[in-house]
Protein backbone atom coordinates (compact mmCIF):
# COMPACT_ATOMS: atom_id res chain seq x y z
CA MET A 1 -0.90 16.17 -2.88
CA LEU A 2 -1.34 19.92 -2.41
CA ARG A 3 -2.25 19.38 1.23
CA HIS A 4 1.01 17.53 1.82
CA GLY A 5 3.33 20.04 0.21
CA ILE A 6 3.77 18.97 -3.42
CA PRO A 7 4.11 22.09 -5.62
CA GLU A 8 1.08 23.01 -7.71
CA ASP A 9 2.90 22.70 -11.04
CA VAL A 10 3.94 19.13 -10.17
CA VAL A 11 0.37 18.30 -9.14
CA ASN A 12 -0.96 19.62 -12.45
CA ALA A 13 1.58 17.55 -14.39
CA LEU A 14 0.67 14.41 -12.46
CA ARG A 15 -3.03 15.06 -13.05
CA THR A 16 -2.38 15.17 -16.81
CA VAL A 17 -0.42 11.90 -16.68
CA SER A 18 -3.17 10.26 -14.61
CA ARG A 19 -5.82 11.21 -17.14
CA ALA A 20 -3.69 9.77 -19.95
CA PHE A 21 -3.25 6.47 -18.08
CA ARG A 22 -7.01 6.09 -17.70
CA HIS A 23 -7.35 5.81 -21.48
CA TRP A 24 -5.36 2.56 -21.38
CA GLY A 25 -8.13 0.72 -19.58
CA GLY A 26 -11.77 0.23 -20.37
CA SER A 27 -14.93 -0.95 -18.70
CA ALA A 28 -15.76 -4.64 -18.62
CA HIS A 29 -18.95 -6.51 -17.90
CA VAL A 30 -18.77 -8.28 -14.53
CA ALA A 31 -20.52 -11.63 -14.87
CA ARG A 32 -19.70 -12.88 -11.38
CA PRO A 33 -18.57 -10.69 -8.48
CA LEU A 34 -16.18 -12.50 -6.13
CA ALA A 35 -16.72 -12.19 -2.39
CA ASP A 36 -13.98 -12.51 0.21
CA GLY A 37 -13.92 -16.10 1.45
CA SER A 38 -15.93 -17.53 -1.44
CA ASP A 39 -14.86 -20.54 -3.52
CA LEU A 40 -14.05 -20.41 -7.22
CA PRO A 41 -14.05 -23.77 -9.06
CA PHE A 42 -11.44 -23.53 -11.79
CA ALA A 43 -9.64 -26.04 -14.06
CA GLY A 44 -10.29 -29.07 -11.87
CA ARG A 45 -9.46 -27.32 -8.61
CA THR A 46 -11.17 -24.97 -6.18
CA LEU A 47 -9.60 -21.63 -5.33
CA ARG A 48 -10.54 -19.69 -2.20
CA VAL A 49 -10.99 -15.96 -2.83
CA LEU A 50 -9.08 -13.83 -0.30
CA HIS A 51 -9.40 -10.05 -0.32
CA ARG A 52 -6.07 -8.56 0.79
CA PRO A 53 -6.22 -4.79 0.29
CA GLY A 54 -3.22 -2.56 0.83
CA HIS A 55 -1.11 -2.34 -2.31
CA SER A 56 -4.42 -1.43 -3.90
CA PRO A 57 -7.96 -1.49 -2.45
CA SER A 58 -8.95 -4.39 -4.70
CA ASP A 59 -5.97 -6.75 -4.26
CA THR A 60 -7.24 -10.33 -4.27
CA LEU A 61 -5.44 -13.62 -3.70
CA PHE A 62 -6.50 -17.10 -4.80
CA TRP A 63 -5.71 -19.89 -2.34
CA ASP A 64 -5.36 -23.49 -3.54
CA GLU A 65 -5.34 -25.17 -0.13
CA PRO A 66 -4.79 -28.83 -1.21
CA ARG A 67 -1.66 -27.76 -3.10
CA ALA A 68 -0.61 -25.14 -0.51
CA LEU A 69 -0.35 -22.77 -3.46
CA LEU A 70 -1.21 -19.06 -3.35
CA ILE A 71 -1.72 -16.92 -6.45
CA GLY A 72 -0.52 -13.68 -4.97
CA GLY A 73 -0.43 -10.94 -7.61
CA ASP A 74 1.35 -7.86 -6.25
CA HIS A 75 0.50 -8.61 -2.62
CA LEU A 76 3.85 -10.27 -1.93
CA ILE A 77 6.83 -10.05 -4.30
CA GLY A 78 10.21 -11.55 -3.55
CA HIS A 79 12.62 -9.02 -5.03
CA ILE A 80 10.83 -5.78 -4.13
CA SER A 81 8.41 -4.47 -1.53
CA SER A 82 4.95 -3.66 -2.86
CA ASN A 83 4.11 0.03 -2.50
CA PRO A 84 0.85 0.63 -0.57
CA LEU A 85 -0.67 3.28 -2.81
CA ILE A 86 -3.11 5.86 -1.55
CA ALA A 87 -6.40 5.30 -3.37
CA ARG A 88 -10.10 5.65 -2.80
CA ALA A 89 -11.35 2.75 -0.70
CA LEU A 90 -13.74 0.18 -2.11
CA GLY A 91 -16.97 -0.78 -0.41
CA GLY A 92 -17.09 -3.86 1.83
CA ARG A 93 -14.07 -5.28 3.61
CA SER A 94 -11.63 -2.50 2.81
CA GLY A 95 -10.26 -2.03 6.31
CA GLU A 96 -10.30 1.72 5.86
CA PRO A 97 -11.72 4.33 8.22
CA ASP A 98 -15.18 5.68 7.46
CA ALA A 99 -13.83 9.16 6.82
CA GLY A 100 -10.58 10.89 5.96
CA ARG A 101 -7.62 9.83 3.89
CA PRO A 102 -7.32 6.06 3.31
CA ARG A 103 -4.44 4.63 5.37
CA ALA A 104 -3.01 2.23 2.83
CA LEU A 105 0.04 1.00 4.75
CA LEU A 106 -1.94 0.19 7.90
CA THR A 107 -4.36 -1.78 5.74
CA TYR A 108 -1.52 -3.54 3.93
CA ILE A 109 0.18 -4.58 7.16
CA ARG A 110 -3.08 -6.12 8.41
CA SER A 111 -3.37 -8.00 5.12
CA LEU A 112 0.23 -9.25 5.31
CA ARG A 113 -0.32 -10.57 8.82
CA GLU A 114 -3.40 -12.46 7.66
CA THR A 115 -1.43 -13.97 4.77
CA ARG A 116 1.38 -14.95 7.13
CA GLU A 117 -1.00 -17.30 8.96
CA LEU A 118 -1.73 -19.37 5.85
CA PRO A 119 0.17 -22.70 5.52
CA VAL A 120 1.59 -21.66 2.15
CA GLU A 121 4.38 -23.56 0.44
CA VAL A 122 4.55 -21.51 -2.77
CA VAL A 123 3.35 -17.99 -3.63
CA LEU A 124 3.06 -17.18 -7.32
CA PRO A 125 3.56 -13.39 -7.46
CA GLY A 126 2.62 -11.00 -10.23
CA HIS A 127 6.33 -10.27 -10.84
CA GLY A 128 9.50 -12.28 -10.41
CA GLU A 129 10.21 -15.76 -9.12
CA PRO A 130 7.91 -17.88 -6.90
CA VAL A 131 8.18 -17.22 -3.17
CA THR A 132 8.81 -20.30 -1.03
CA ASN A 133 9.42 -18.63 2.33
CA HIS A 134 6.42 -16.36 2.72
CA MET A 135 6.60 -16.09 6.54
CA ALA A 136 10.24 -14.99 6.55
CA LEU A 137 9.64 -12.58 3.67
CA ILE A 138 6.63 -11.01 5.41
CA ASP A 139 8.66 -10.63 8.62
CA GLU A 140 11.38 -8.91 6.57
CA ARG A 141 8.85 -6.54 5.04
CA LEU A 142 7.31 -5.67 8.43
CA ALA A 143 10.77 -4.95 9.86
CA MET A 144 11.56 -2.72 6.88
CA HIS A 145 8.41 -0.68 7.48
CA GLU A 146 9.34 -0.25 11.15
CA LYS A 147 12.82 0.93 10.19
CA ARG A 148 11.48 3.49 7.72
CA ALA A 149 8.91 4.78 10.22
CA ALA A 150 11.70 5.28 12.78
CA ARG A 151 13.74 7.23 10.24
CA ILE A 152 10.80 9.51 9.48
CA ARG A 153 10.22 10.05 13.20
CA GLY A 154 13.84 11.12 13.51
CA LEU A 155 13.47 13.63 10.66
CA VAL A 156 10.41 15.35 12.13
CA GLU A 157 12.02 15.46 15.56
CA GLU A 158 14.60 17.81 14.01
CA THR A 159 12.02 20.15 12.44
CA PRO A 160 8.34 20.03 11.34
CA LEU A 161 8.11 18.76 7.77
CA THR A 162 5.50 18.17 5.08
CA ALA A 163 5.27 14.71 3.57
CA TYR A 164 6.87 16.06 0.40
CA GLU A 165 9.78 17.53 2.36
CA ILE A 166 10.26 14.18 4.10
CA ALA A 167 10.28 12.43 0.71
CA GLN A 168 12.95 14.85 -0.53
CA ARG A 169 15.14 14.07 2.47
CA LEU A 170 14.71 10.32 1.95
CA TRP A 171 14.99 10.07 -1.85
CA GLY A 172 16.24 13.39 -3.21
CA LYS A 173 15.20 14.09 -6.82
CA VAL A 174 13.19 10.85 -6.95
CA ALA A 175 10.64 12.65 -4.75
CA LEU A 176 9.96 14.89 -7.75
CA THR A 177 10.07 12.36 -10.59
CA GLN A 178 8.05 9.78 -8.58
CA ALA A 179 6.03 12.23 -6.49
CA PHE A 180 2.90 10.13 -6.01
CA LEU A 181 4.76 6.93 -5.16
CA THR A 182 7.05 8.59 -2.64
CA LEU A 183 4.14 10.55 -1.13
CA SER A 184 2.26 7.27 -0.63
CA GLU A 185 5.33 5.79 1.08
CA VAL A 186 5.80 8.72 3.45
CA LEU A 187 2.14 9.04 4.39
CA GLY A 188 1.92 5.30 5.01
CA HIS A 189 4.73 5.41 7.54
CA ALA A 190 3.46 8.66 9.02
CA ASP A 191 0.16 6.84 9.63
CA LEU A 192 2.02 4.20 11.65
CA LEU A 193 3.50 6.92 13.83
CA LEU A 194 0.22 8.83 14.10
CA GLU A 195 -1.63 5.70 15.21
CA ARG A 196 0.93 5.17 17.98
CA GLY A 197 0.77 8.79 19.07
CA GLU A 198 4.46 9.39 18.27
CA ILE A 199 3.86 12.32 15.90
CA ARG A 200 1.01 14.67 15.11
CA GLU A 201 -0.29 16.65 12.15
CA VAL A 202 -0.38 20.44 12.27
CA GLU A 203 -2.20 22.21 9.44
CA SER A 204 -1.51 25.81 8.43
CA ASP A 205 -2.90 27.55 5.32
CA GLY A 206 -4.11 24.22 3.96
CA VAL A 207 -0.72 22.49 4.24
CA VAL A 208 0.00 19.72 6.76
CA ARG A 209 3.31 19.32 8.58
CA PHE A 210 4.31 16.49 10.87
CA GLN A 211 6.01 17.11 14.19
CA PRO A 212 6.66 15.18 17.42
CA ALA A 213 3.58 14.54 19.57
């Protein structure tokens, strides 16, 4: 967060909140690790385990092929786009580079495209109503990401900006109250542009700014 322009006092406040959140969860004994592509017999049916990182590194779907039913969690939600959060990558099929900051949105887009190929009739999401048009919804999400990336490209063509400055231009005060979420959004779309060679990172005094390539 410091590297991408968020003020130090905001970073310290977010660190305190993060530590408090960690007390809500606890460790659990793992009796059976689930591997991507493995089968899980459950309640008279067999679910296929599908690792779909992006929203988080551990996002996992459960595919009931005979019923064309997908238990989707937060991978695909009808009424809102899942936020690809920046997080430490897991081992195994994470889709992340070997070094450097995890590129959550690039990973999430790959996962969405894999899900799009499934012959799904119903997705049961972690929030909201069942999704019955997963291909159209995924296409809508991909188009939305392209539109936001283009807007960010337009902003940095005007002047070099940190990710935090971009977030302020896109969302105003929300960039302060939801600093980590908006930073994840901006960096995800910046990664799209960086991968295509449309922008570049320039670091000065430990702070990165984006500018046209």
